[in-house]
C-alpha atoms as a PDB file:
ATOM      1  CA  MET A   1       9.851 -11.132-123.185  1.00  0.00           C
ATOM      2  CA  ILE A   2       7.368  -9.067-121.184  1.00  0.00           C
ATOM      3  CA  ALA A   3       7.237 -12.243-118.806  1.00  0.00           C
ATOM      4  CA  LYS A   4      11.018 -11.990-118.653  1.00  0.00           C
ATOM      5  CA  ALA A   5      11.060  -8.287-117.764  1.00  0.00           C
ATOM      6  CA  THR A   6       8.458  -8.576-114.450  1.00  0.00           C
ATOM      7  CA  ARG A   7      10.359 -11.346-113.455  1.00  0.00           C
ATOM      8  CA  ALA A   8      13.184  -9.248-113.428  1.00  0.00           C
ATOM      9  CA  LEU A   9      11.759  -6.113-111.710  1.00  0.00           C
ATOM     10  CA  SER A  10      10.271  -8.481-109.091  1.00  0.00           C
ATOM     11  CA  ARG A  11      13.752 -10.001-108.262  1.00  0.00           C
ATOM     12  CA  ARG A  12      14.524  -6.237-107.958  1.00  0.00           C
ATOM     13  CA  ALA A  13      11.746  -5.302-106.164  1.00  0.00           C
ATOM     14  CA  LEU A  14      12.778  -8.361-103.884  1.00  0.00           C
ATOM     15  CA  LEU A  15      16.365  -7.426-103.318  1.00  0.00           C
ATOM     16  CA  ALA A  16      15.116  -3.917-102.672  1.00  0.00           C
ATOM     17  CA  THR A  17      12.814  -4.956-100.155  1.00  0.00           C
ATOM     18  CA  ALA A  18      15.168  -7.425 -98.785  1.00  0.00           C
ATOM     19  CA  PHE A  19      18.384  -5.142 -98.496  1.00  0.00           C
ATOM     20  CA  PRO A  20      17.205  -3.280 -95.774  1.00  0.00           C
ATOM     21  CA  ALA A  21      15.467  -5.501 -93.114  1.00  0.00           C
ATOM     22  CA  MET A  22      19.328  -7.418 -94.008  1.00  0.00           C
ATOM     23  CA  ALA A  23      21.339  -4.115 -92.866  1.00  0.00           C
ATOM     24  CA  VAL A  24      18.828  -3.875 -90.176  1.00  0.00           C
ATOM     25  CA  THR A  25      19.481  -7.015 -88.729  1.00  0.00           C
ATOM     26  CA  ILE A  26      23.732  -6.493 -89.546  1.00  0.00           C
ATOM     27  CA  ALA A  27      23.710  -3.243 -87.009  1.00  0.00           C
ATOM     28  CA  ARG A  28      20.999  -5.131 -84.488  1.00  0.00           C
ATOM     29  CA  ALA A  29      23.780  -7.538 -84.600  1.00  0.00           C
ATOM     30  CA  GLN A  30      27.059  -5.275 -84.331  1.00  0.00           C
ATOM     31  CA  THR A  31      25.038  -3.503 -81.483  1.00  0.00           C
ATOM     32  CA  ALA A  32      24.498  -6.649 -79.316  1.00  0.00           C
ATOM     33  CA  THR A  33      28.257  -8.164 -80.066  1.00  0.00           C
ATOM     34  CA  PRO A  34      29.976  -5.952 -76.929  1.00  0.00           C
ATOM     35  CA  ALA A  35      27.688  -7.709 -74.536  1.00  0.00           C
ATOM     36  CA  ALA A  36      27.828 -10.722 -76.562  1.00  0.00           C
ATOM     37  CA  ALA A  37      31.075 -11.114 -76.159  1.00  0.00           C
ATOM     38  CA  TYR A  38      32.365  -9.404 -72.902  1.00  0.00           C
ATOM     39  CA  PRO A  39      34.833 -10.339 -71.659  1.00  0.00           C
ATOM     40  CA  ASP A  40      37.135 -12.124 -74.618  1.00  0.00           C
ATOM     41  CA  ARG A  41      40.515 -11.006 -73.448  1.00  0.00           C
ATOM     42  CA  GLN A  42      41.741  -9.749 -70.042  1.00  0.00           C
ATOM     43  CA  VAL A  43      40.094  -7.736 -67.518  1.00  0.00           C
ATOM     44  CA  THR A  44      42.184  -5.816 -64.965  1.00  0.00           C
ATOM     45  CA  PHE A  45      40.853  -5.468 -62.002  1.00  0.00           C
ATOM     46  CA  ILE A  46      41.887  -1.988 -60.182  1.00  0.00           C
ATOM     47  CA  VAL A  47      42.162  -2.037 -56.352  1.00  0.00           C
ATOM     48  CA  PRO A  48      42.864   1.487 -54.993  1.00  0.00           C
ATOM     49  CA  PHE A  49      44.740   0.350 -51.996  1.00  0.00           C
ATOM     50  CA  ALA A  50      47.371  -1.765 -50.844  1.00  0.00           C
ATOM     51  CA  PRO A  51      47.113  -5.393 -51.311  1.00  0.00           C
ATOM     52  CA  ALA A  52      45.796  -7.789 -47.994  1.00  0.00           C
ATOM     53  CA  GLY A  53      42.960  -5.486 -46.486  1.00  0.00           C
ATOM     54  CA  GLY A  54      39.791  -5.618 -46.910  1.00  0.00           C
ATOM     55  CA  THR A  55      39.158  -4.061 -50.142  1.00  0.00           C
ATOM     56  CA  ASP A  56      41.496  -5.966 -51.893  1.00  0.00           C
ATOM     57  CA  VAL A  57      40.674  -9.490 -50.459  1.00  0.00           C
ATOM     58  CA  LEU A  58      37.063  -8.517 -51.472  1.00  0.00           C
ATOM     59  CA  ALA A  59      38.337  -7.597 -55.119  1.00  0.00           C
ATOM     60  CA  ARG A  60      39.860 -11.253 -55.272  1.00  0.00           C
ATOM     61  CA  LEU A  61      37.094 -12.852 -54.123  1.00  0.00           C
ATOM     62  CA  LEU A  62      34.799 -11.186 -56.851  1.00  0.00           C
ATOM     63  CA  ALA A  63      37.863 -11.544 -59.736  1.00  0.00           C
ATOM     64  CA  GLU A  64      37.505 -15.123 -58.588  1.00  0.00           C
ATOM     65  CA  GLN A  65      33.597 -15.749 -59.343  1.00  0.00           C
ATOM     66  CA  LEU A  66      33.891 -13.567 -62.168  1.00  0.00           C
ATOM     67  CA  GLU A  67      36.751 -15.252 -63.973  1.00  0.00           C
ATOM     68  CA  GLN A  68      34.315 -19.019 -63.330  1.00  0.00           C
ATOM     69  CA  ALA A  69      31.241 -17.246 -64.497  1.00  0.00           C
ATOM     70  CA  LEU A  70      32.347 -15.555 -67.525  1.00  0.00           C
ATOM     71  CA  GLY A  71      36.122 -17.558 -68.781  1.00  0.00           C
ATOM     72  CA  ALA A  72      38.076 -14.472 -68.691  1.00  0.00           C
ATOM     73  CA  PRO A  73      41.110 -13.525 -66.654  1.00  0.00           C
ATOM     74  CA  PHE A  74      39.501 -10.394 -63.860  1.00  0.00           C
ATOM     75  CA  VAL A  75      43.723  -9.925 -62.799  1.00  0.00           C
ATOM     76  CA  VAL A  76      43.490  -7.886 -59.470  1.00  0.00           C
ATOM     77  CA  GLU A  77      46.416  -4.434 -59.359  1.00  0.00           C
ATOM     78  CA  ASN A  78      46.649  -2.303 -56.699  1.00  0.00           C
ATOM     79  CA  ARG A  79      47.470   1.043 -57.089  1.00  0.00           C
ATOM     80  CA  PRO A  80      47.021   2.263 -54.045  1.00  0.00           C
ATOM     81  CA  GLY A  81      48.294   6.294 -52.735  1.00  0.00           C
ATOM     82  CA  ALA A  82      46.220   9.868 -51.972  1.00  0.00           C
ATOM     83  CA  GLY A  83      43.506   7.893 -51.027  1.00  0.00           C
ATOM     84  CA  THR A  84      41.777   6.235 -53.791  1.00  0.00           C
ATOM     85  CA  VAL A  85      42.459   8.923 -56.213  1.00  0.00           C
ATOM     86  CA  ILE A  86      45.750   7.560 -58.206  1.00  0.00           C
ATOM     87  CA  ALA A  87      43.564   4.604 -58.746  1.00  0.00           C
ATOM     88  CA  THR A  88      40.103   6.410 -59.701  1.00  0.00           C
ATOM     89  CA  ASN A  89      42.229   9.213 -62.050  1.00  0.00           C
ATOM     90  CA  PHE A  90      44.047   5.847 -64.031  1.00  0.00           C
ATOM     91  CA  VAL A  91      40.479   4.068 -64.341  1.00  0.00           C
ATOM     92  CA  VAL A  92      38.857   6.842 -65.469  1.00  0.00           C
ATOM     93  CA  LYS A  93      41.223   7.737 -68.369  1.00  0.00           C
ATOM     94  CA  SER A  94      41.663   4.348 -69.295  1.00  0.00           C
ATOM     95  CA  PRO A  95      39.560   2.952 -72.440  1.00  0.00           C
ATOM     96  CA  PRO A  96      35.697   3.139 -71.637  1.00  0.00           C
ATOM     97  CA  ASP A  97      35.597  -0.842 -72.794  1.00  0.00           C
ATOM     98  CA  GLY A  98      34.598  -2.677 -69.804  1.00  0.00           C
ATOM     99  CA  TYR A  99      38.249  -3.721 -69.378  1.00  0.00           C
ATOM    100  CA  THR A 100      39.522  -1.707 -66.520  1.00  0.00           C
ATOM    101  CA  ILE A 101      37.018  -1.606 -63.935  1.00  0.00           C
ATOM    102  CA  MET A 102      37.993  -0.908 -60.111  1.00  0.00           C
ATOM    103  CA  MET A 103      37.028  -1.028 -56.302  1.00  0.00           C
ATOM    104  CA  ASP A 104      35.105   1.802 -55.284  1.00  0.00           C
ATOM    105  CA  VAL A 105      35.006   2.663 -51.943  1.00  0.00           C
ATOM    106  CA  SER A 106      32.599   5.337 -50.066  1.00  0.00           C
ATOM    107  CA  SER A 107      35.327   7.833 -50.162  1.00  0.00           C
ATOM    108  CA  LEU A 108      34.622   8.116 -53.758  1.00  0.00           C
ATOM    109  CA  ALA A 109      31.495  10.218 -52.675  1.00  0.00           C
ATOM    110  CA  ILE A 110      33.248  12.260 -49.729  1.00  0.00           C
ATOM    111  CA  ASP A 111      35.735  13.274 -51.770  1.00  0.00           C
ATOM    112  CA  VAL A 112      33.955  15.624 -54.022  1.00  0.00           C
ATOM    113  CA  THR A 113      33.226  18.022 -50.986  1.00  0.00           C
ATOM    114  CA  LEU A 114      36.855  17.264 -49.062  1.00  0.00           C
ATOM    115  CA  TYR A 115      38.690  18.095 -51.650  1.00  0.00           C
ATOM    116  CA  LYS A 116      39.404  21.020 -53.291  1.00  0.00           C
ATOM    117  CA  SER A 117      39.227  20.037 -56.954  1.00  0.00           C
ATOM    118  CA  LEU A 118      39.721  16.315 -58.144  1.00  0.00           C
ATOM    119  CA  PRO A 119      41.437  15.607 -61.653  1.00  0.00           C
ATOM    120  CA  TYR A 120      37.441  13.568 -62.472  1.00  0.00           C
ATOM    121  CA  ASP A 121      34.360  14.596 -61.412  1.00  0.00           C
ATOM    122  CA  PRO A 122      32.705  11.198 -59.769  1.00  0.00           C
ATOM    123  CA  ALA A 123      29.328  11.229 -60.665  1.00  0.00           C
ATOM    124  CA  LYS A 124      29.931  12.163 -64.600  1.00  0.00           C
ATOM    125  CA  ASP A 125      33.335   9.594 -65.095  1.00  0.00           C
ATOM    126  CA  LEU A 126      32.462   6.688 -63.336  1.00  0.00           C
ATOM    127  CA  ALA A 127      29.535   4.593 -63.119  1.00  0.00           C
ATOM    128  CA  LEU A 128      28.484   2.086 -60.089  1.00  0.00           C
ATOM    129  CA  VAL A 129      28.237  -1.616 -62.000  1.00  0.00           C
ATOM    130  CA  ALA A 130      27.378  -3.134 -58.573  1.00  0.00           C
ATOM    131  CA  LEU A 131      27.320  -2.549 -54.625  1.00  0.00           C
ATOM    132  CA  ILE A 132      28.926  -5.386 -53.036  1.00  0.00           C
ATOM    133  CA  ALA A 133      28.607  -4.352 -48.834  1.00  0.00           C
ATOM    134  CA  ARG A 134      28.235  -2.561 -46.775  1.00  0.00           C
ATOM    135  CA  VAL A 135      30.614  -1.530 -43.796  1.00  0.00           C
ATOM    136  CA  PRO A 136      29.581  -1.816 -40.403  1.00  0.00           C
ATOM    137  CA  PHE A 137      31.475   0.489 -38.345  1.00  0.00           C
ATOM    138  CA  VAL A 138      31.570   0.014 -34.013  1.00  0.00           C
ATOM    139  CA  LEU A 139      32.569   3.298 -31.681  1.00  0.00           C
ATOM    140  CA  VAL A 140      34.835   1.514 -29.406  1.00  0.00           C
ATOM    141  CA  VAL A 141      36.736   3.300 -26.118  1.00  0.00           C
ATOM    142  CA  ASN A 142      38.998   2.166 -23.985  1.00  0.00           C
ATOM    143  CA  PRO A 143      38.627  -0.084 -21.357  1.00  0.00           C
ATOM    144  CA  SER A 144      39.263   2.337 -18.453  1.00  0.00           C
ATOM    145  CA  LEU A 145      36.960   5.250 -19.535  1.00  0.00           C
ATOM    146  CA  GLN A 146      34.490   5.320 -16.854  1.00  0.00           C
ATOM    147  CA  VAL A 147      31.401   4.524 -19.693  1.00  0.00           C
ATOM    148  CA  ASN A 148      29.009   1.644 -20.466  1.00  0.00           C
ATOM    149  CA  SER A 149      26.684   2.865 -22.938  1.00  0.00           C
ATOM    150  CA  VAL A 150      26.580   5.140 -25.679  1.00  0.00           C
ATOM    151  CA  GLU A 151      24.216   7.587 -22.902  1.00  0.00           C
ATOM    152  CA  ASP A 152      27.505   7.590 -20.429  1.00  0.00           C
ATOM    153  CA  LEU A 153      29.518   8.950 -23.159  1.00  0.00           C
ATOM    154  CA  ILE A 154      26.908  11.954 -24.076  1.00  0.00           C
ATOM    155  CA  LYS A 155      27.044  13.170 -20.870  1.00  0.00           C
ATOM    156  CA  LEU A 156      31.045  12.572 -20.197  1.00  0.00           C
ATOM    157  CA  ALA A 157      31.859  14.140 -22.955  1.00  0.00           C
ATOM    158  CA  LYS A 158      29.590  17.578 -22.175  1.00  0.00           C
ATOM    159  CA  GLN A 159      31.526  17.555 -18.638  1.00  0.00           C
ATOM    160  CA  ARG A 160      35.178  16.965 -20.096  1.00  0.00           C
ATOM    161  CA  PRO A 161      37.512  16.749 -22.987  1.00  0.00           C
ATOM    162  CA  LEU A 162      37.220  13.703 -25.416  1.00  0.00           C
ATOM    163  CA  SER A 163      39.752  12.975 -28.306  1.00  0.00           C
ATOM    164  CA  TYR A 164      39.082  10.459 -30.705  1.00  0.00           C
ATOM    165  CA  GLY A 165      41.066   9.243 -33.394  1.00  0.00           C
ATOM    166  CA  SER A 166      40.976   7.719 -37.485  1.00  0.00           C
ATOM    167  CA  GLY A 167      42.246   6.821 -40.156  1.00  0.00           C
ATOM    168  CA  GLY A 168      42.763  10.374 -41.498  1.00  0.00           C
ATOM    169  CA  ILE A 169      40.963  13.789 -42.338  1.00  0.00           C
ATOM    170  CA  GLY A 170      37.800  12.984 -44.155  1.00  0.00           C
ATOM    171  CA  ALA A 171      38.296   9.315 -43.697  1.00  0.00           C
ATOM    172  CA  PHE A 172      35.008   7.307 -42.683  1.00  0.00           C
ATOM    173  CA  HIS A 173      36.403   7.264 -39.290  1.00  0.00           C
ATOM    174  CA  HIS A 174      35.926  10.691 -38.936  1.00  0.00           C
ATOM    175  CA  LEU A 175      33.119  11.784 -40.685  1.00  0.00           C
ATOM    176  CA  ALA A 176      30.956   8.697 -39.026  1.00  0.00           C
ATOM    177  CA  ALA A 177      32.621  10.775 -35.322  1.00  0.00           C
ATOM    178  CA  ALA A 178      31.587  14.352 -36.489  1.00  0.00           C
ATOM    179  CA  LEU A 179      28.210  13.065 -37.682  1.00  0.00           C
ATOM    180  CA  PHE A 180      27.559  11.184 -33.983  1.00  0.00           C
ATOM    181  CA  CYS A 181      28.713  14.692 -32.721  1.00  0.00           C
ATOM    182  CA  SER A 182      26.793  16.893 -34.830  1.00  0.00           C
ATOM    183  CA  MET A 183      23.737  14.922 -33.908  1.00  0.00           C
ATOM    184  CA  THR A 184      24.545  14.552 -30.384  1.00  0.00           C
ATOM    185  CA  GLY A 185      25.575  18.328 -29.564  1.00  0.00           C
ATOM    186  CA  ILE A 186      29.053  17.423 -28.385  1.00  0.00           C
ATOM    187  CA  LYS A 187      31.923  18.406 -28.971  1.00  0.00           C
ATOM    188  CA  MET A 188      35.387  16.216 -29.264  1.00  0.00           C
ATOM    189  CA  THR A 189      38.887  16.737 -30.297  1.00  0.00           C
ATOM    190  CA  HIS A 190      39.646  14.981 -33.696  1.00  0.00           C
ATOM    191  CA  VAL A 191      42.878  13.480 -33.823  1.00  0.00           C
ATOM    192  CA  PRO A 192      43.726  12.125 -37.407  1.00  0.00           C
ATOM    193  CA  TYR A 193      46.391   9.306 -37.851  1.00  0.00           C
ATOM    194  CA  ARG A 194      48.063   7.424 -40.847  1.00  0.00           C
ATOM    195  CA  GLY A 195      45.033   4.584 -40.717  1.00  0.00           C
ATOM    196  CA  THR A 196      43.557   2.493 -38.812  1.00  0.00           C
ATOM    197  CA  ALA A 197      45.483   0.324 -36.504  1.00  0.00           C
ATOM    198  CA  PRO A 198      47.717   3.135 -35.315  1.00  0.00           C
ATOM    199  CA  ALA A 199      44.404   5.278 -33.871  1.00  0.00           C
ATOM    200  CA  LEU A 200      43.668   1.737 -31.978  1.00  0.00           C
ATOM    201  CA  ASN A 201      46.512   1.058 -30.713  1.00  0.00           C
ATOM    202  CA  ASP A 202      46.402   4.549 -28.647  1.00  0.00           C
ATOM    203  CA  VAL A 203      42.727   4.352 -27.868  1.00  0.00           C
ATOM    204  CA  MET A 204      44.071   0.566 -26.233  1.00  0.00           C
ATOM    205  CA  GLY A 205      46.684   2.667 -24.659  1.00  0.00           C
ATOM    206  CA  GLY A 206      45.289   5.670 -23.043  1.00  0.00           C
ATOM    207  CA  TYR A 207      46.300   8.583 -25.101  1.00  0.00           C
ATOM    208  CA  ILE A 208      42.572   8.759 -26.914  1.00  0.00           C
ATOM    209  CA  GLN A 209      39.867   7.752 -25.670  1.00  0.00           C
ATOM    210  CA  LEU A 210      37.198   6.357 -27.928  1.00  0.00           C
ATOM    211  CA  MET A 211      37.257   5.751 -32.516  1.00  0.00           C
ATOM    212  CA  PHE A 212      34.918   4.770 -34.589  1.00  0.00           C
ATOM    213  CA  SER A 213      36.651   1.919 -36.100  1.00  0.00           C
ATOM    214  CA  ASP A 214      35.670  -0.664 -39.284  1.00  0.00           C
ATOM    215  CA  LEU A 215      34.969  -3.863 -37.506  1.00  0.00           C
ATOM    216  CA  GLY A 216      37.198  -6.518 -39.073  1.00  0.00           C
ATOM    217  CA  PRO A 217      40.658  -4.535 -37.156  1.00  0.00           C
ATOM    218  CA  ALA A 218      38.245  -3.436 -34.275  1.00  0.00           C
ATOM    219  CA  LEU A 219      36.652  -7.269 -33.336  1.00  0.00           C
ATOM    220  CA  PRO A 220      40.212  -9.082 -32.344  1.00  0.00           C
ATOM    221  CA  LEU A 221      41.005  -6.246 -29.804  1.00  0.00           C
ATOM    222  CA  ILE A 222      37.008  -6.462 -28.603  1.00  0.00           C
ATOM    223  CA  ASN A 223      37.049 -10.042 -28.044  1.00  0.00           C
ATOM    224  CA  ALA A 224      40.421  -9.939 -26.228  1.00  0.00           C
ATOM    225  CA  GLY A 225      38.841  -7.164 -23.773  1.00  0.00           C
ATOM    226  CA  LYS A 226      41.553  -4.315 -25.332  1.00  0.00           C
ATOM    227  CA  ILE A 227      38.906  -2.204 -26.147  1.00  0.00           C
ATOM    228  CA  ARG A 228      34.900  -1.711 -25.476  1.00  0.00           C
ATOM    229  CA  PRO A 229      32.250  -1.806 -27.999  1.00  0.00           C
ATOM    230  CA  LEU A 230      28.991   0.659 -27.554  1.00  0.00           C
ATOM    231  CA  ALA A 231      27.446   0.554 -30.244  1.00  0.00           C
ATOM    232  CA  VAL A 232      27.367   0.203 -34.379  1.00  0.00           C
ATOM    233  CA  THR A 233      26.790   2.538 -36.540  1.00  0.00           C
ATOM    234  CA  THR A 234      24.288   0.441 -38.363  1.00  0.00           C
ATOM    235  CA  LYS A 235      20.631   0.807 -37.991  1.00  0.00           C
ATOM    236  CA  GLU A 236      20.461  -3.504 -37.773  1.00  0.00           C
ATOM    237  CA  ARG A 237      22.779  -5.157 -35.175  1.00  0.00           C
ATOM    238  CA  PHE A 238      26.075  -7.437 -37.225  1.00  0.00           C
ATOM    239  CA  ALA A 239      25.681 -11.551 -35.895  1.00  0.00           C
ATOM    240  CA  ALA A 240      29.725 -10.994 -35.104  1.00  0.00           C
ATOM    241  CA  LEU A 241      28.648  -8.490 -32.159  1.00  0.00           C
ATOM    242  CA  PRO A 242      24.730  -9.943 -31.373  1.00  0.00           C
ATOM    243  CA  ASN A 243      24.551  -7.863 -27.731  1.00  0.00           C
ATOM    244  CA  VAL A 244      25.699  -4.572 -29.304  1.00  0.00           C
ATOM    245  CA  PRO A 245      23.468  -2.187 -30.301  1.00  0.00           C
ATOM    246  CA  PRO A 246      22.761   0.513 -33.095  1.00  0.00           C
ATOM    247  CA  LEU A 247      23.270   3.774 -32.538  1.00  0.00           C
ATOM    248  CA  ALA A 248      19.936   4.440 -33.210  1.00  0.00           C
ATOM    249  CA  ASP A 249      18.501   2.299 -30.414  1.00  0.00           C
ATOM    250  CA  ALA A 250      21.489   3.090 -28.052  1.00  0.00           C
ATOM    251  CA  GLY A 251      20.314   7.120 -27.487  1.00  0.00           C
ATOM    252  CA  VAL A 252      20.618   8.720 -31.320  1.00  0.00           C
ATOM    253  CA  PRO A 253      17.915   7.605 -32.905  1.00  0.00           C
ATOM    254  CA  GLY A 254      17.969   8.035 -36.735  1.00  0.00           C
ATOM    255  CA  PHE A 255      21.490   7.223 -36.661  1.00  0.00           C
ATOM    256  CA  ASP A 256      22.669   4.832 -39.846  1.00  0.00           C
ATOM    257  CA  ALA A 257      26.016   4.740 -41.573  1.00  0.00           C
ATOM    258  CA  ALA A 258      28.242   2.222 -43.181  1.00  0.00           C
ATOM    259  CA  ALA A 259      30.645   2.622 -45.671  1.00  0.00           C
ATOM    260  CA  TRP A 260      30.360   0.846 -48.806  1.00  0.00           C
ATOM    261  CA  GLN A 261      31.981  -1.408 -51.406  1.00  0.00           C
ATOM    262  CA  ALA A 262      31.339  -1.154 -54.845  1.00  0.00           C
ATOM    263  CA  VAL A 263      32.262  -1.824 -58.622  1.00  0.00           C
ATOM    264  CA  ALA A 264      33.014   0.801 -60.762  1.00  0.00           C
ATOM    265  CA  ALA A 265      33.188   1.160 -64.341  1.00  0.00           C
ATOM    266  CA  PRO A 266      34.072   3.894 -66.617  1.00  0.00           C
ATOM    267  CA  ALA A 267      30.776   6.131 -67.194  1.00  0.00           C
ATOM    268  CA  LYS A 268      31.201   5.963 -71.270  1.00  0.00           C
ATOM    269  CA  THR A 269      31.298   1.846 -71.145  1.00  0.00           C
ATOM    270  CA  PRO A 270      29.229   0.499 -73.165  1.00  0.00           C
ATOM    271  CA  GLN A 271      25.370   0.000 -71.411  1.00  0.00           C
ATOM    272  CA  PRO A 272      25.346  -3.432 -72.385  1.00  0.00           C
ATOM    273  CA  VAL A 273      28.467  -4.388 -70.909  1.00  0.00           C
ATOM    274  CA  LEU A 274      27.714  -2.205 -67.547  1.00  0.00           C
ATOM    275  CA  ALA A 275      24.174  -4.682 -67.616  1.00  0.00           C
ATOM    276  CA  LYS A 276      26.211  -7.179 -67.721  1.00  0.00           C
ATOM    277  CA  LEU A 277      28.461  -6.368 -65.385  1.00  0.00           C
ATOM    278  CA  ASN A 278      25.125  -5.690 -62.758  1.00  0.00           C
ATOM    279  CA  SER A 279      23.449  -8.646 -63.584  1.00  0.00           C
ATOM    280  CA  GLN A 280      26.417 -11.221 -63.230  1.00  0.00           C
ATOM    281  CA  LEU A 281      27.563  -9.392 -59.875  1.00  0.00           C
ATOM    282  CA  ASN A 282      24.253  -9.312 -58.562  1.00  0.00           C
ATOM    283  CA  ALA A 283      24.121 -12.930 -59.142  1.00  0.00           C
ATOM    284  CA  VAL A 284      27.453 -13.189 -57.979  1.00  0.00           C
ATOM    285  CA  MET A 285      26.172 -11.722 -55.051  1.00  0.00           C
ATOM    286  CA  ALA A 286      23.278 -13.447 -54.693  1.00  0.00           C
ATOM    287  CA  ARG A 287      25.241 -17.174 -53.855  1.00  0.00           C
ATOM    288  CA  GLY A 288      24.770 -18.203 -50.172  1.00  0.00           C
ATOM    289  CA  ASP A 289      28.199 -19.293 -49.817  1.00  0.00           C
ATOM    290  CA  VAL A 290      29.917 -15.743 -51.432  1.00  0.00           C
ATOM    291  CA  ARG A 291      27.168 -13.986 -48.624  1.00  0.00           C
ATOM    292  CA  THR A 292      28.581 -15.821 -46.008  1.00  0.00           C
ATOM    293  CA  ARG A 293      32.576 -15.168 -47.072  1.00  0.00           C
ATOM    294  CA  ILE A 294      31.829 -11.376 -47.131  1.00  0.00           C
ATOM    295  CA  SER A 295      30.155 -11.235 -43.688  1.00  0.00           C
ATOM    296  CA  ASP A 296      33.678 -13.110 -42.422  1.00  0.00           C
ATOM    297  CA  PHE A 297      35.201 -10.234 -43.600  1.00  0.00           C
ATOM    298  CA  GLY A 298      33.527  -8.064 -41.092  1.00  0.00           C
ATOM    299  CA  MET A 299      30.857  -6.863 -44.168  1.00  0.00           C
ATOM    300  CA  ILE A 300      27.210  -6.582 -44.916  1.00  0.00           C
ATOM    301  CA  PRO A 301      26.311  -8.512 -48.328  1.00  0.00           C
ATOM    302  CA  VAL A 302      24.295  -6.369 -50.709  1.00  0.00           C
ATOM    303  CA  GLY A 303      24.575  -7.274 -54.587  1.00  0.00           C
ATOM    304  CA  SER A 304      21.065  -6.041 -55.596  1.00  0.00           C
ATOM    305  CA  GLY A 305      20.491  -2.771 -57.369  1.00  0.00           C
ATOM    306  CA  SER A 306      19.879  -1.750 -61.630  1.00  0.00           C
ATOM    307  CA  LEU A 307      22.538   0.640 -63.233  1.00  0.00           C
ATOM    308  CA  ASP A 308      19.844   3.320 -62.349  1.00  0.00           C
ATOM    309  CA  ASP A 309      19.507   2.442 -58.789  1.00  0.00           C
ATOM    310  CA  LEU A 310      23.336   2.475 -58.276  1.00  0.00           C
ATOM    311  CA  ARG A 311      23.190   5.965 -60.239  1.00  0.00           C
ATOM    312  CA  GLN A 312      20.677   7.459 -57.947  1.00  0.00           C
ATOM    313  CA  PHE A 313      22.305   6.104 -54.443  1.00  0.00           C
ATOM    314  CA  PHE A 314      25.252   7.825 -55.695  1.00  0.00           C
ATOM    315  CA  GLN A 315      23.750  10.667 -56.152  1.00  0.00           C
ATOM    316  CA  SER A 316      22.181  10.909 -52.371  1.00  0.00           C
ATOM    317  CA  GLU A 317      25.531   9.672 -51.029  1.00  0.00           C
ATOM    318  CA  ILE A 318      27.710  11.963 -51.934  1.00  0.00           C
ATOM    319  CA  ALA A 319      24.601  14.995 -50.932  1.00  0.00           C
ATOM    320  CA  ARG A 320      24.010  13.127 -47.670  1.00  0.00           C
ATOM    321  CA  TRP A 321      27.973  13.159 -46.913  1.00  0.00           C
ATOM    322  CA  ALA A 322      28.853  16.802 -48.236  1.00  0.00           C
ATOM    323  CA  LYS A 323      26.824  17.804 -45.383  1.00  0.00           C
ATOM    324  CA  VAL A 324      28.572  16.419 -42.336  1.00  0.00           C
ATOM    325  CA  VAL A 325      32.069  17.415 -44.799  1.00  0.00           C
ATOM    326  CA  GLU A 326      30.836  21.159 -44.386  1.00  0.00           C
ATOM    327  CA  GLU A 327      29.518  20.845 -40.668  1.00  0.00           C
ATOM    328  CA  ALA A 328      32.984  19.132 -39.850  1.00  0.00           C
ATOM    329  CA  GLY A 329      34.562  22.396 -41.096  1.00  0.00           C
ATOM    330  CA  ILE A 330      36.807  20.013 -43.278  1.00  0.00           C
ATOM    331  CA  ALA A 331      35.402  20.909 -46.965  1.00  0.00           C
ATOM    332  CA  HIS A 332      37.625  21.512 -49.797  1.00  0.00           C
ATOM    333  CA  SER A 333      40.466  21.314 -46.922  1.00  0.00           C
ATOM    334  CA  GLU A 334      42.706  18.742 -49.067  1.00  0.00           C
END
């Protein structure tokens, strides 16, 4: 009887010690499930602009690659309007489960200072999960303007009034020019348009003298001799314009500015899911064929950095462009 009681106590003691261990194992498995199973259904990939633009084309390339890598559909949905505010507001109010993500652009950092108020706080409500590409801009002038270099342009701007175009107040075209004016001590008149194309049309027509344009729409006009490139905004030259120097080497030391394209998700998305997206997108961006296609879009492929790196990058971009927006006199103007 004593032996039976002893064996029963031993079994109870063994079970008592086993159950907590089993509970820990189950808890760990449940904690790991979101990333391990993700994605097990369709992911909606929001683009804040209309179809066929650079951001849309880039999103569709990434969606295709993510589908192949993760085995679930990534469906691109365009939600244009109010800059990027409509699309961003939709994403930040979506369930933070990784099944609604978006393409984000550098205007996200600019809007913090540009707008009087936003229906969300970009730094708190969104998490960048991958920095995909930098978008170089090129300073172009009407061919009839008697300048052949950045130094010529600066000299001319100090002698007579010049006007520059942009895709709208607070757009990167605008702020690149504002930064250029600030760093060179010149003043020029800003003429905002409803997009890059109409602004480039007026540069060609001579109604305005110059603009900072994203490379994609400007390159065919440059190659046709309809506009003249003076410099690119990045510190490195761009392969499609090997003879066009960086502004930093053409009379504006320290100038280095580019718009950017990133993938973002609601900030409260589980960290394992964010980490999985970060790892997978960085792996996609490491592929030579993907990088070549992005270069063909007129962008500089990036695709590196941890979630912490991206958080710090985003904070630094908010601070950097806040200063430019304030100096341009457009803070809280929208």
